[in-house]
Amino acid sequence: MRTIIILGVALIAIGAAVLAFDQYSYTTKENVLQIGPLKATVDETHTVTLPPAVGWVLIGGGVCLLVLAAWSRKN
């Protein structure tokens, strides 16, 4: 029972974070050229965009778990 409540609150928090920060970026280094001991690298920035529907689904799932926990405690 307590696990369901913690999981529900965690899903709501993660869903809210997805809605607040809908995209994130990360940087990778790629070797372009290597001749003997000489290297040429380039930094590439990648952006990942998350649709808002993912956040709403997570929030909805968290609310459903909290309702389920409250309902099972009542019965």
Protein backbone atom coordinates (compact mmCIF):
# COMPACT_ATOMS: atom_id res chain seq x y z
CA MET A 1 0.00 0.00 0.00
CA ARG A 2 2.73 2.44 0.98
CA THR A 3 4.66 1.47 -2.15
CA ILE A 4 1.69 2.39 -4.35
CA ILE A 5 1.48 5.84 -2.74
CA ILE A 6 5.22 6.46 -3.20
CA LEU A 7 5.04 5.28 -6.82
CA GLY A 8 2.01 7.50 -7.48
CA VAL A 9 3.71 10.58 -6.06
CA ALA A 10 6.88 9.78 -8.03
CA LEU A 11 4.91 9.46 -11.29
CA ILE A 12 3.22 12.81 -10.66
CA ALA A 13 6.59 14.46 -9.95
CA ILE A 14 8.20 12.99 -13.07
CA GLY A 15 5.19 14.01 -15.17
CA ALA A 16 5.39 17.57 -13.87
CA ALA A 17 9.12 17.64 -14.66
CA VAL A 18 8.42 16.46 -18.21
CA LEU A 19 5.86 19.23 -18.64
CA ALA A 20 8.22 21.85 -17.21
CA PHE A 21 11.32 20.74 -19.15
CA ASP A 22 10.00 19.43 -22.46
CA GLN A 23 13.43 19.12 -24.05
CA TYR A 24 16.96 18.41 -22.97
CA SER A 25 20.32 18.55 -24.70
CA TYR A 26 23.50 16.56 -24.42
CA THR A 27 26.88 16.83 -26.12
CA THR A 28 28.97 14.05 -27.66
CA LYS A 29 32.51 14.10 -29.02
CA GLU A 30 33.13 12.49 -32.38
CA ASN A 31 36.49 11.74 -33.96
CA VAL A 32 36.54 13.30 -37.42
CA LEU A 33 40.12 12.59 -38.43
CA GLN A 34 43.03 10.65 -36.97
CA ILE A 35 46.43 10.60 -38.61
CA GLY A 36 49.03 8.98 -36.39
CA PRO A 37 49.09 10.78 -33.04
CA LEU A 38 47.05 13.75 -34.36
CA LYS A 39 43.32 13.75 -33.75
CA ALA A 40 40.57 16.08 -34.88
CA THR A 41 37.34 15.93 -32.87
CA VAL A 42 34.08 17.79 -33.06
CA ASP A 43 31.49 18.39 -30.34
CA GLU A 44 27.94 17.67 -31.44
CA THR A 45 24.93 18.86 -29.47
CA HIS A 46 21.85 16.64 -29.61
CA THR A 47 18.41 17.79 -28.48
CA VAL A 48 15.70 15.37 -27.38
CA THR A 49 12.14 16.71 -27.32
CA LEU A 50 9.45 15.02 -25.24
CA PRO A 51 5.81 15.57 -26.18
CA PRO A 52 3.56 17.04 -23.46
CA ALA A 53 1.28 14.00 -23.73
CA VAL A 54 3.97 11.92 -22.01
CA GLY A 55 3.84 14.23 -18.99
CA TRP A 56 0.06 14.15 -18.83
CA VAL A 57 0.01 10.34 -19.07
CA LEU A 58 2.50 10.10 -16.21
CA ILE A 59 0.47 12.50 -14.07
CA GLY A 60 -2.73 10.59 -14.87
CA GLY A 61 -1.10 7.29 -13.95
CA GLY A 62 0.12 8.75 -10.66
CA VAL A 63 -3.33 10.08 -9.81
CA CYS A 64 -4.86 6.68 -10.64
CA LEU A 65 -2.41 4.98 -8.29
CA LEU A 66 -3.22 7.42 -5.49
CA VAL A 67 -6.96 6.86 -6.02
CA LEU A 68 -6.38 3.10 -6.00
CA ALA A 69 -4.44 3.34 -2.74
CA ALA A 70 -7.15 5.45 -1.11
CA TRP A 71 -9.89 3.14 -2.37
CA SER A 72 -8.15 -0.04 -1.14
CA ARG A 73 -7.52 1.54 2.27
CA LYS A 74 -11.23 2.33 2.58
CA ASN A 75 -12.33 -1.27 1.86
